[in-house]
C-alpha atoms as a PDB file:
ATOM      1  CA  MET A   1     -16.326  -1.200  -1.513  1.00  0.00           C
ATOM      2  CA  THR A   2     -12.774  -1.394  -3.036  1.00  0.00           C
ATOM      3  CA  SER A   3     -12.374  -1.180  -6.898  1.00  0.00           C
ATOM      4  CA  VAL A   4     -12.751  -3.985  -9.179  1.00  0.00           C
ATOM      5  CA  PHE A   5     -11.701  -4.630 -12.809  1.00  0.00           C
ATOM      6  CA  VAL A   6     -14.738  -6.550 -14.746  1.00  0.00           C
ATOM      7  CA  ASP A   7     -15.231  -7.131 -18.233  1.00  0.00           C
ATOM      8  CA  ILE A   8     -18.311  -6.468 -19.156  1.00  0.00           C
ATOM      9  CA  ASN A   9     -18.251  -8.644 -22.391  1.00  0.00           C
ATOM     10  CA  THR A  10     -17.865 -11.558 -20.867  1.00  0.00           C
ATOM     11  CA  ALA A  11     -20.198 -11.183 -17.708  1.00  0.00           C
ATOM     12  CA  PRO A  12     -22.208  -8.171 -17.003  1.00  0.00           C
ATOM     13  CA  THR A  13     -22.023  -9.458 -13.012  1.00  0.00           C
ATOM     14  CA  CYS A  14     -19.504  -9.867 -10.944  1.00  0.00           C
ATOM     15  CA  LYS A  15     -19.424 -11.081  -6.874  1.00  0.00           C
ATOM     16  CA  ILE A  16     -18.266  -8.207  -4.544  1.00  0.00           C
ATOM     17  CA  ARG A  17     -17.190  -7.862  -1.056  1.00  0.00           C
ATOM     18  CA  ILE A  18     -18.460  -5.236   0.795  1.00  0.00           C
ATOM     19  CA  PHE A  19     -17.107  -4.488   4.153  1.00  0.00           C
ATOM     20  CA  ASN A  20     -19.448  -3.049   7.312  1.00  0.00           C
ATOM     21  CA  PRO A  21     -17.581  -1.763  10.256  1.00  0.00           C
ATOM     22  CA  PHE A  22     -20.017  -1.319  12.429  1.00  0.00           C
ATOM     23  CA  PRO A  23     -21.134  -3.688  14.700  1.00  0.00           C
ATOM     24  CA  THR A  24     -24.711  -4.108  13.696  1.00  0.00           C
ATOM     25  CA  SER A  25     -25.748  -6.488  10.383  1.00  0.00           C
ATOM     26  CA  TRP A  26     -27.069  -5.013   7.436  1.00  0.00           C
ATOM     27  CA  SER A  27     -29.111  -6.980   5.233  1.00  0.00           C
ATOM     28  CA  ILE A  28     -28.542  -6.282   1.106  1.00  0.00           C
ATOM     29  CA  LYS A  29     -31.630  -7.176  -1.326  1.00  0.00           C
ATOM     30  CA  GLN A  30     -31.105  -9.007  -4.761  1.00  0.00           C
ATOM     31  CA  ASP A  31     -30.597  -6.830  -7.522  1.00  0.00           C
ATOM     32  CA  THR A  32     -29.137  -3.619  -5.437  1.00  0.00           C
ATOM     33  CA  ILE A  33     -26.939  -1.646  -7.549  1.00  0.00           C
ATOM     34  CA  VAL A  34     -23.809  -0.860  -5.019  1.00  0.00           C
ATOM     35  CA  GLY A  35     -21.668   0.436  -7.337  1.00  0.00           C
ATOM     36  CA  GLN A  36     -21.152   2.189 -11.177  1.00  0.00           C
ATOM     37  CA  ALA A  37     -19.360   0.801 -13.911  1.00  0.00           C
ATOM     38  CA  GLU A  38     -16.459   3.387 -15.127  1.00  0.00           C
ATOM     39  CA  LYS A  39     -14.667   3.016 -18.492  1.00  0.00           C
ATOM     40  CA  ILE A  40     -10.816   3.305 -18.463  1.00  0.00           C
ATOM     41  CA  ASP A  41      -8.355   3.563 -20.893  1.00  0.00           C
ATOM     42  CA  THR A  42      -5.385   1.818 -19.386  1.00  0.00           C
ATOM     43  CA  ILE A  43      -4.845  -0.202 -16.094  1.00  0.00           C
ATOM     44  CA  LYS A  44      -2.269   1.754 -14.179  1.00  0.00           C
ATOM     45  CA  GLY A  45      -0.854  -0.857 -11.513  1.00  0.00           C
ATOM     46  CA  THR A  46      -2.436  -3.424  -9.221  1.00  0.00           C
ATOM     47  CA  VAL A  47      -1.378  -4.458  -6.120  1.00  0.00           C
ATOM     48  CA  VAL A  48      -1.180  -8.616  -6.877  1.00  0.00           C
ATOM     49  CA  GLU A  49      -2.570 -10.354  -9.564  1.00  0.00           C
ATOM     50  CA  LYS A  50      -4.160 -12.552  -7.423  1.00  0.00           C
ATOM     51  CA  GLU A  51      -5.708 -13.262  -3.673  1.00  0.00           C
ATOM     52  CA  HIS A  52      -3.816 -15.700  -1.800  1.00  0.00           C
ATOM     53  CA  SER A  53      -4.382 -19.317  -2.579  1.00  0.00           C
ATOM     54  CA  ASP A  54      -5.919 -20.081   0.675  1.00  0.00           C
ATOM     55  CA  GLU A  55      -8.421 -17.048   0.911  1.00  0.00           C
ATOM     56  CA  GLU A  56      -9.875 -18.031  -2.739  1.00  0.00           C
ATOM     57  CA  GLY A  57     -13.050 -19.579  -1.111  1.00  0.00           C
ATOM     58  CA  ASN A  58     -13.834 -17.610   1.818  1.00  0.00           C
ATOM     59  CA  PHE A  59     -16.681 -14.975   1.749  1.00  0.00           C
ATOM     60  CA  ILE A  60     -17.464 -14.543   5.195  1.00  0.00           C
ATOM     61  CA  SER A  61     -14.412 -12.674   6.877  1.00  0.00           C
ATOM     62  CA  ALA A  62     -11.871 -10.371   5.774  1.00  0.00           C
ATOM     63  CA  ARG A  63      -9.236 -12.075   3.384  1.00  0.00           C
ATOM     64  CA  ARG A  64      -5.740 -11.163   2.639  1.00  0.00           C
ATOM     65  CA  VAL A  65      -3.344 -10.830  -0.072  1.00  0.00           C
ATOM     66  CA  THR A  66       0.200 -11.530  -0.416  1.00  0.00           C
ATOM     67  CA  ILE A  67       2.448  -9.180  -1.655  1.00  0.00           C
ATOM     68  CA  LYS A  68       5.692 -10.164  -3.393  1.00  0.00           C
ATOM     69  CA  GLN A  69       8.750  -9.304  -1.208  1.00  0.00           C
ATOM     70  CA  ASP A  70      11.891 -10.071  -3.147  1.00  0.00           C
ATOM     71  CA  GLU A  71      12.441  -7.303  -6.132  1.00  0.00           C
ATOM     72  CA  PRO A  72      15.116  -7.991  -9.010  1.00  0.00           C
ATOM     73  CA  THR A  73      18.356  -6.170  -8.548  1.00  0.00           C
ATOM     74  CA  ILE A  74      19.852  -4.292 -11.509  1.00  0.00           C
ATOM     75  CA  THR A  75      23.007  -2.716 -10.340  1.00  0.00           C
ATOM     76  CA  ARG A  76      26.001  -4.832  -8.500  1.00  0.00           C
ATOM     77  CA  ALA A  77      28.296  -2.281  -6.735  1.00  0.00           C
ATOM     78  CA  THR A  78      32.088  -4.304  -7.070  1.00  0.00           C
ATOM     79  CA  GLU A  79      35.121  -3.365  -5.369  1.00  0.00           C
ATOM     80  CA  MET A  80      38.423  -5.046  -6.968  1.00  0.00           C
ATOM     81  CA  ASN A  81      40.583  -5.670  -4.225  1.00  0.00           C
ATOM     82  CA  THR A  82      38.720  -7.362  -1.973  1.00  0.00           C
ATOM     83  CA  LYS A  83      36.049  -9.150  -4.975  1.00  0.00           C
ATOM     84  CA  GLU A  84      32.824  -8.027  -2.257  1.00  0.00           C
ATOM     85  CA  SER A  85      29.917  -7.203  -4.027  1.00  0.00           C
ATOM     86  CA  VAL A  86      26.669  -5.630  -2.774  1.00  0.00           C
ATOM     87  CA  ASP A  87      23.032  -6.016  -4.610  1.00  0.00           C
ATOM     88  CA  VAL A  88      21.207  -2.773  -5.243  1.00  0.00           C
ATOM     89  CA  GLN A  89      17.092  -3.589  -5.910  1.00  0.00           C
ATOM     90  CA  ILE A  90      15.213  -1.535  -8.765  1.00  0.00           C
ATOM     91  CA  ASN A  91      13.682   0.397  -6.687  1.00  0.00           C
ATOM     92  CA  LEU A  92      16.638   2.191  -5.174  1.00  0.00           C
ATOM     93  CA  GLN A  93      18.400   2.371  -8.030  1.00  0.00           C
ATOM     94  CA  SER A  94      17.902   5.964  -9.208  1.00  0.00           C
ATOM     95  CA  MET A  95      18.652   6.724  -5.461  1.00  0.00           C
ATOM     96  CA  TYR A  96      21.842   5.235  -5.593  1.00  0.00           C
ATOM     97  CA  GLU A  97      23.231   6.503  -8.942  1.00  0.00           C
ATOM     98  CA  ASN A  98      22.296  10.003  -7.529  1.00  0.00           C
ATOM     99  CA  ALA A  99      23.995   9.172  -4.206  1.00  0.00           C
ATOM    100  CA  CYS A 100      27.041   8.167  -6.580  1.00  0.00           C
ATOM    101  CA  ALA A 101      27.663  11.324  -8.547  1.00  0.00           C
ATOM    102  CA  ASN A 102      31.523  12.174  -8.053  1.00  0.00           C
ATOM    103  CA  ARG A 103      32.549   9.632  -5.371  1.00  0.00           C
ATOM    104  CA  SER A 104      35.054   7.111  -4.859  1.00  0.00           C
ATOM    105  CA  HIS A 105      34.761   3.715  -5.315  1.00  0.00           C
ATOM    106  CA  GLU A 106      34.663   2.770  -1.636  1.00  0.00           C
ATOM    107  CA  GLU A 107      32.242   5.379  -1.204  1.00  0.00           C
ATOM    108  CA  LYS A 108      30.091   3.862  -3.496  1.00  0.00           C
ATOM    109  CA  LEU A 109      30.315   0.753  -2.182  1.00  0.00           C
ATOM    110  CA  GLU A 110      29.493   1.856   1.190  1.00  0.00           C
ATOM    111  CA  ILE A 111      26.500   3.907  -0.078  1.00  0.00           C
ATOM    112  CA  ALA A 112      25.412   0.221  -1.357  1.00  0.00           C
ATOM    113  CA  LYS A 113      25.938  -1.672   1.797  1.00  0.00           C
ATOM    114  CA  LEU A 114      24.076   1.104   3.380  1.00  0.00           C
ATOM    115  CA  LEU A 115      20.770   1.326   0.947  1.00  0.00           C
ATOM    116  CA  CYS A 116      20.828  -2.829   1.055  1.00  0.00           C
ATOM    117  CA  ARG A 117      20.986  -2.484   4.686  1.00  0.00           C
ATOM    118  CA  PHE A 118      18.183  -0.437   4.803  1.00  0.00           C
ATOM    119  CA  LYS A 119      16.188  -1.559   1.662  1.00  0.00           C
ATOM    120  CA  ASP A 120      12.623  -2.339   3.402  1.00  0.00           C
ATOM    121  CA  SER A 121      12.965   1.109   4.845  1.00  0.00           C
ATOM    122  CA  PHE A 122      12.112   2.346   1.466  1.00  0.00           C
ATOM    123  CA  SER A 123       8.940   2.310  -0.428  1.00  0.00           C
ATOM    124  CA  LYS A 124       9.004   0.130  -3.396  1.00  0.00           C
ATOM    125  CA  ASP A 125       6.507   1.335  -5.727  1.00  0.00           C
ATOM    126  CA  ASP A 126       3.909   3.779  -5.405  1.00  0.00           C
ATOM    127  CA  LEU A 127       0.708   1.441  -4.204  1.00  0.00           C
ATOM    128  CA  ASP A 128       2.780   0.856  -0.703  1.00  0.00           C
ATOM    129  CA  LEU A 129       3.140   3.949   0.441  1.00  0.00           C
ATOM    130  CA  GLY A 130       1.720   4.765   3.850  1.00  0.00           C
ATOM    131  CA  GLU A 131       1.264   0.456   4.311  1.00  0.00           C
ATOM    132  CA  THR A 132       3.664  -1.728   6.364  1.00  0.00           C
ATOM    133  CA  HIS A 133       3.369  -5.453   7.288  1.00  0.00           C
ATOM    134  CA  LEU A 134       6.512  -5.029   9.680  1.00  0.00           C
ATOM    135  CA  THR A 135       3.951  -4.803  12.754  1.00  0.00           C
ATOM    136  CA  GLU A 136       0.531  -5.577  14.048  1.00  0.00           C
ATOM    137  CA  HIS A 137      -1.089  -4.993  17.713  1.00  0.00           C
ATOM    138  CA  SER A 138      -4.128  -4.914  19.481  1.00  0.00           C
ATOM    139  CA  ILE A 139      -5.381  -2.923  22.308  1.00  0.00           C
ATOM    140  CA  ASN A 140      -6.591  -4.858  24.748  1.00  0.00           C
ATOM    141  CA  THR A 141     -10.047  -3.127  26.489  1.00  0.00           C
ATOM    142  CA  GLY A 142     -11.297  -6.076  28.208  1.00  0.00           C
ATOM    143  CA  ASN A 143     -15.206  -5.550  28.147  1.00  0.00           C
ATOM    144  CA  ALA A 144     -15.428  -2.030  27.910  1.00  0.00           C
ATOM    145  CA  ALA A 145     -17.423  -0.704  24.968  1.00  0.00           C
ATOM    146  CA  PRO A 146     -15.862   2.371  22.780  1.00  0.00           C
ATOM    147  CA  ILE A 147     -16.611   5.640  24.103  1.00  0.00           C
ATOM    148  CA  ARG A 148     -19.044   7.852  22.101  1.00  0.00           C
ATOM    149  CA  GLN A 149     -18.185  11.411  21.744  1.00  0.00           C
ATOM    150  CA  GLN A 150     -20.157  14.449  19.912  1.00  0.00           C
ATOM    151  CA  PRO A 151     -17.293  16.019  17.328  1.00  0.00           C
ATOM    152  CA  ARG A 152     -16.056  19.029  18.346  1.00  0.00           C
ATOM    153  CA  ARG A 153     -16.230  22.398  16.122  1.00  0.00           C
ATOM    154  CA  VAL A 154     -13.354  24.118  15.090  1.00  0.00           C
ATOM    155  CA  PRO A 155     -12.481  27.399  17.261  1.00  0.00           C
ATOM    156  CA  MET A 156     -13.405  30.410  15.518  1.00  0.00           C
ATOM    157  CA  ALA A 157     -10.263  31.681  15.716  1.00  0.00           C
ATOM    158  CA  PHE A 158      -9.233  28.390  13.720  1.00  0.00           C
ATOM    159  CA  ALA A 159     -11.943  28.710  11.165  1.00  0.00           C
ATOM    160  CA  TYR A 160     -10.330  30.755   8.277  1.00  0.00           C
ATOM    161  CA  ALA A 161      -7.715  28.730   8.363  1.00  0.00           C
ATOM    162  CA  GLU A 162      -8.874  25.210   8.096  1.00  0.00           C
ATOM    163  CA  ARG A 163     -11.171  26.876   5.410  1.00  0.00           C
ATOM    164  CA  LYS A 164      -8.053  27.819   3.503  1.00  0.00           C
ATOM    165  CA  LEU A 165      -6.717  23.894   4.522  1.00  0.00           C
ATOM    166  CA  TYR A 166      -9.832  21.962   2.672  1.00  0.00           C
ATOM    167  CA  LYS A 167      -9.367  24.755  -0.238  1.00  0.00           C
ATOM    168  CA  SER A 168      -5.633  23.664  -0.827  1.00  0.00           C
ATOM    169  CA  PHE A 169      -6.614  20.281  -1.685  1.00  0.00           C
END
């Protein structure tokens, strides 16, 4: 279940979505407690303000959200002789400034061009780390069912290293 913001002063209950990744069906009875309310001081950020307009009434299948694609620009690197200009996005601003320290004007223009060319390779904010919309694929397995395997134990030689790794988190 995902996080949901609810104003309990106006609506003490809300509709939620629960994703069942398993092939067996589950029934949730009325008045079942499926979550816990927690008080928050500030909202640090949201992925999107509103879900996709085509998905507002969809309560049967997984829905999609539209993430804003274009970022406003802050800096303009301009070469005086050729009147050529390149826009650098907000999320790449600090990287551009760090890379341009002690550089000539031509080098600054090349850095700006490079950042603009590969702007989709960089994270726009903390919320899009680990996510991509660039590729989607499926693996055709035909009629074959998934193979169920028993979990494997970690060999004794690696047990200490694994415990140490878990404690570091």
